[in-house]
Protein backbone atom coordinates (compact mmCIF):
# COMPACT_ATOMS: atom_id res chain seq x y z
CA MET A 1 9.63 10.74 -5.78
CA ASP A 2 11.45 7.58 -6.81
CA ARG A 3 11.11 7.85 -10.59
CA SER A 4 13.26 4.81 -11.24
CA ARG A 5 10.54 2.60 -9.73
CA GLY A 6 7.60 4.43 -11.26
CA TYR A 7 6.05 5.55 -7.97
CA SER A 8 3.51 8.33 -8.01
CA LEU A 9 1.43 10.28 -5.51
CA THR A 10 -2.32 9.82 -5.47
CA GLN A 11 -4.26 12.91 -4.45
CA HIS A 12 -7.43 12.58 -2.42
CA PRO A 13 -9.93 15.34 -1.66
CA ASP A 14 -9.42 14.79 2.10
CA PRO A 15 -6.81 17.22 3.54
CA GLU A 16 -5.06 14.43 5.46
CA LEU A 17 -2.15 12.41 4.05
CA TYR A 18 -2.78 8.66 3.93
CA CYS A 19 -0.35 5.76 3.77
CA LEU A 20 -0.57 2.06 3.04
CA GLY A 21 0.40 -0.30 5.85
CA HIS A 22 1.02 -4.01 5.91
CA LEU A 23 -1.95 -6.36 6.02
CA VAL A 24 -3.79 -6.55 9.34
CA GLU A 25 -7.14 -8.06 10.28
CA GLU A 26 -8.34 -4.91 12.05
CA PHE A 27 -6.87 -1.45 12.40
CA ASP A 28 -7.36 0.48 15.65
CA PHE A 29 -8.05 4.07 14.62
CA HIS A 30 -7.19 6.66 17.28
CA ALA A 31 -8.68 10.11 17.93
CA GLY A 32 -11.56 9.69 15.52
CA ALA A 33 -9.28 8.95 12.57
CA LYS A 34 -10.82 7.23 9.58
CA GLY A 35 -9.37 5.09 6.84
CA ILE A 36 -10.26 5.19 3.17
CA ASP A 37 -10.67 2.29 0.80
CA GLU A 38 -9.10 2.77 -2.61
CA LYS A 39 -9.76 0.40 -5.49
CA GLY A 40 -7.17 -0.28 -8.14
CA HIS A 41 -5.13 -3.06 -9.68
CA GLY A 42 -2.38 -4.90 -7.86
CA GLU A 43 0.51 -6.75 -9.42
CA VAL A 44 0.56 -10.39 -8.38
CA GLU A 45 3.66 -12.55 -8.52
CA ASP A 46 3.82 -16.33 -8.53
CA VAL A 47 6.79 -16.77 -6.17
CA THR A 48 6.69 -20.56 -6.41
CA ARG A 49 8.50 -20.31 -9.76
CA ARG A 50 11.48 -18.33 -8.47
CA MET A 51 13.63 -21.42 -8.03
CA VAL A 52 13.10 -22.47 -11.64
CA ARG A 53 13.23 -19.14 -13.50
CA LEU A 54 14.96 -15.83 -12.96
CA GLU A 55 12.03 -13.82 -14.30
CA VAL A 56 8.71 -14.30 -12.58
CA PRO A 57 5.58 -13.57 -14.61
CA ALA A 58 3.16 -11.15 -12.97
CA TRP A 59 -0.42 -10.27 -13.75
CA ARG A 60 -2.78 -7.53 -12.65
CA GLU A 61 -6.01 -8.07 -10.77
CA PRO A 62 -8.50 -5.81 -8.95
CA VAL A 63 -7.63 -5.09 -5.31
CA THR A 64 -8.97 -2.87 -2.54
CA ALA A 65 -6.43 -1.36 -0.14
CA THR A 66 -7.25 0.46 3.09
CA LEU A 67 -5.10 3.56 3.50
CA ILE A 68 -4.58 4.88 7.04
CA PRO A 69 -3.92 8.47 8.15
CA TYR A 70 -0.21 9.29 8.16
CA PHE A 71 -0.27 10.46 11.79
CA ALA A 72 -1.50 7.01 12.89
CA TRP A 73 1.46 5.22 11.26
CA ALA A 74 3.41 2.80 13.48
CA ASN A 75 0.62 2.50 16.04
CA ARG A 76 1.46 -1.23 16.12
CA GLY A 77 5.17 -0.65 16.66
CA GLU A 78 8.14 0.43 14.57
CA ASN A 79 7.81 -0.34 10.86
CA GLU A 80 9.08 0.79 7.45
CA MET A 81 7.02 3.03 5.19
CA THR A 82 6.77 3.73 1.49
CA VAL A 83 4.75 6.87 0.93
CA TRP A 84 4.64 6.50 -2.85
CA LEU A 85 2.40 3.86 -4.39
CA ARG A 86 3.42 2.38 -7.70
CA GLY A 87 0.93 3.48 -10.36
């Protein structure tokens, strides 16, 4: 666990491990795999102000993220992964 960034593990009753991938329009699940939708709050940054200020204000808003089974990771090619989600 990366405690310096405040990441934490979210447990789910399903015995499979899920991960969060980058945004895609549709995900092709293989071998009967299923995704789960988790609701929470995401931190939003206004990146247009970065050139004017060093600190960028952020705010929280409701988001829904689709988590995919760990074994199906990188089905669209090689990619980086962060297993821990910031809580």
